[in-house]
């Protein structure tokens, strides 16, 4: 059996296809989903969702949201999603370095919270780009 996976953003359907396996970035760590998984709803953290189709992994940077798993269908509702096709490697790497520097140099609690959020977003994009290189 296979999974039907739909990734939806506020702009519409970002990805809709069949898959053999999905790895989700939940708030408590990564969670794998295979066919016939028990039904569940989980919160998603900013991170990388990995989708395996025909022995090929597709990484997607997701910007937080929720996932619903039910009857071999996974519906992923996120604030935003990006794939390697939509990202420019040079800009992603520069953004990641800048976000690291801002996090290291944050002085107030508000600056630290804002910098951490930007860092997580930049890191997710960076990991998607690096998945292509490896």
Protein backbone atom coordinates (compact mmCIF):
# COMPACT_ATOMS: atom_id res chain seq x y z
CA UNK A 1 0.00 0.00 0.00
CA UNK A 2 1.03 3.58 -0.51
CA UNK A 3 0.28 6.87 1.16
CA UNK A 4 -1.50 9.78 -0.46
CA UNK A 5 0.37 12.89 0.69
CA UNK A 6 -0.91 16.46 0.34
CA UNK A 7 1.08 19.49 1.49
CA UNK A 8 -1.08 22.60 1.69
CA UNK A 9 -0.08 26.19 2.33
CA UNK A 10 -2.27 29.31 2.59
CA UNK A 11 -1.51 29.83 -1.13
CA UNK A 12 -2.87 26.42 -2.13
CA UNK A 13 -1.69 22.87 -2.70
CA UNK A 14 2.12 22.79 -2.70
CA UNK A 15 2.65 19.04 -3.18
CA UNK A 16 0.16 16.25 -3.89
CA UNK A 17 1.36 12.78 -4.78
CA UNK A 18 1.69 9.19 -3.62
CA UNK A 19 4.59 8.14 -1.37
CA UNK A 20 5.92 5.09 0.43
CA UNK A 21 7.17 6.93 3.53
CA UNK A 22 7.08 10.38 5.10
CA UNK A 23 9.25 11.83 7.87
CA UNK A 24 7.69 14.80 9.65
CA UNK A 25 9.42 17.44 11.84
CA UNK A 26 7.15 17.40 14.89
CA UNK A 27 7.53 19.59 17.97
CA UNK A 28 8.97 16.60 19.87
CA UNK A 29 11.30 15.30 17.14
CA UNK A 30 11.08 13.53 13.82
CA UNK A 31 8.26 11.08 13.19
CA UNK A 32 8.11 8.52 10.40
CA UNK A 33 4.86 7.46 8.76
CA UNK A 34 4.40 4.30 6.69
CA UNK A 35 1.30 2.73 5.16
CA UNK A 36 -1.38 1.65 7.66
CA UNK A 37 -0.13 4.05 10.34
CA UNK A 38 -2.48 4.64 13.26
CA UNK A 39 -4.62 7.79 12.87
CA UNK A 40 -3.18 10.90 14.49
CA UNK A 41 -2.91 14.66 14.42
CA UNK A 42 0.43 16.24 15.28
CA UNK A 43 1.87 19.74 15.42
CA UNK A 44 4.78 20.39 13.07
CA UNK A 45 7.84 22.42 13.88
CA UNK A 46 9.78 24.51 11.38
CA UNK A 47 12.01 21.96 9.68
CA UNK A 48 12.36 19.49 6.82
CA UNK A 49 9.70 17.02 5.76
CA UNK A 50 11.13 14.09 3.81
CA UNK A 51 8.89 12.25 1.35
CA UNK A 52 10.03 8.97 -0.23
CA UNK A 53 8.64 8.10 -3.64
CA UNK A 54 10.10 5.26 -5.74
CA UNK A 55 13.23 5.00 -3.54
CA UNK A 56 13.91 8.75 -3.98
CA UNK A 57 13.68 11.21 -1.09
CA UNK A 58 12.18 14.65 -1.67
CA UNK A 59 12.99 17.23 1.03
CA UNK A 60 10.56 20.09 1.69
CA UNK A 61 11.21 22.96 4.09
CA UNK A 62 8.02 23.48 6.07
CA UNK A 63 7.35 26.50 8.26
CA UNK A 64 5.31 24.93 11.03
CA UNK A 65 1.75 23.69 11.02
CA UNK A 66 -0.12 20.43 11.53
CA UNK A 67 -0.29 16.97 9.99
CA UNK A 68 -3.28 14.62 9.90
CA UNK A 69 -2.67 10.91 9.28
CA UNK A 70 -5.77 8.82 8.57
CA UNK A 71 -6.47 5.81 6.34
CA UNK A 72 -3.20 6.04 4.38
CA UNK A 73 -3.71 9.73 3.69
CA UNK A 74 -1.44 12.40 5.11
CA UNK A 75 -2.65 15.96 4.98
CA UNK A 76 0.06 18.45 5.93
CA UNK A 77 -1.16 21.99 6.62
CA UNK A 78 1.72 24.43 6.93
CA UNK A 79 2.31 28.17 7.08
CA UNK A 80 4.72 27.86 4.15
CA UNK A 81 6.65 25.25 2.18
CA UNK A 82 9.66 25.37 -0.11
CA UNK A 83 11.44 22.77 -2.21
CA UNK A 84 14.91 22.71 -3.74
CA UNK A 85 13.31 23.88 -6.99
CA UNK A 86 12.11 27.10 -5.37
CA UNK A 87 15.36 27.92 -3.51
CA UNK A 88 18.60 29.54 -4.71
CA UNK A 89 21.63 27.89 -3.10
CA UNK A 90 23.75 31.05 -2.72
CA UNK A 91 20.95 33.06 -1.11
CA UNK A 92 20.04 30.18 1.21
CA UNK A 93 23.62 29.75 2.42
CA UNK A 94 24.07 33.50 2.99
CA UNK A 95 20.76 33.69 4.85
CA UNK A 96 21.75 30.73 7.04
CA UNK A 97 25.08 32.33 8.00
CA UNK A 98 23.37 35.65 8.75
CA UNK A 99 20.74 33.93 10.90
CA UNK A 100 23.48 32.10 12.85
CA UNK A 101 25.27 35.38 13.50
CA UNK A 102 22.08 37.11 14.63
CA UNK A 103 21.32 34.26 17.04
CA UNK A 104 24.85 34.35 18.48
CA UNK A 105 24.74 38.14 18.90
CA UNK A 106 21.21 38.45 20.30
CA UNK A 107 21.26 40.33 23.59
CA UNK A 108 17.69 40.69 24.80
CA UNK A 109 15.14 37.91 25.22
CA UNK A 110 13.02 39.33 22.40
CA UNK A 111 16.03 39.46 20.07
CA UNK A 112 16.87 35.86 20.99
CA UNK A 113 13.32 34.64 20.28
CA UNK A 114 13.18 36.48 16.94
CA UNK A 115 16.67 35.29 15.98
CA UNK A 116 15.84 31.68 16.89
CA UNK A 117 12.73 31.75 14.69
CA UNK A 118 14.71 33.16 11.76
CA UNK A 119 17.49 30.62 12.37
CA UNK A 120 15.07 27.67 12.30
CA UNK A 121 13.59 28.86 9.00
CA UNK A 122 17.02 29.44 7.46
CA UNK A 123 18.29 26.07 8.73
CA UNK A 124 15.32 24.23 7.17
CA UNK A 125 16.00 25.84 3.80
CA UNK A 126 19.72 25.11 4.14
CA UNK A 127 19.04 21.44 4.92
CA UNK A 128 16.83 21.14 1.82
CA UNK A 129 19.63 22.52 -0.36
CA UNK A 130 22.23 20.24 1.26
CA UNK A 131 20.02 17.18 0.66
CA UNK A 132 20.63 17.74 -3.05
CA UNK A 133 24.41 17.90 -2.65
CA UNK A 134 24.69 14.74 -0.49
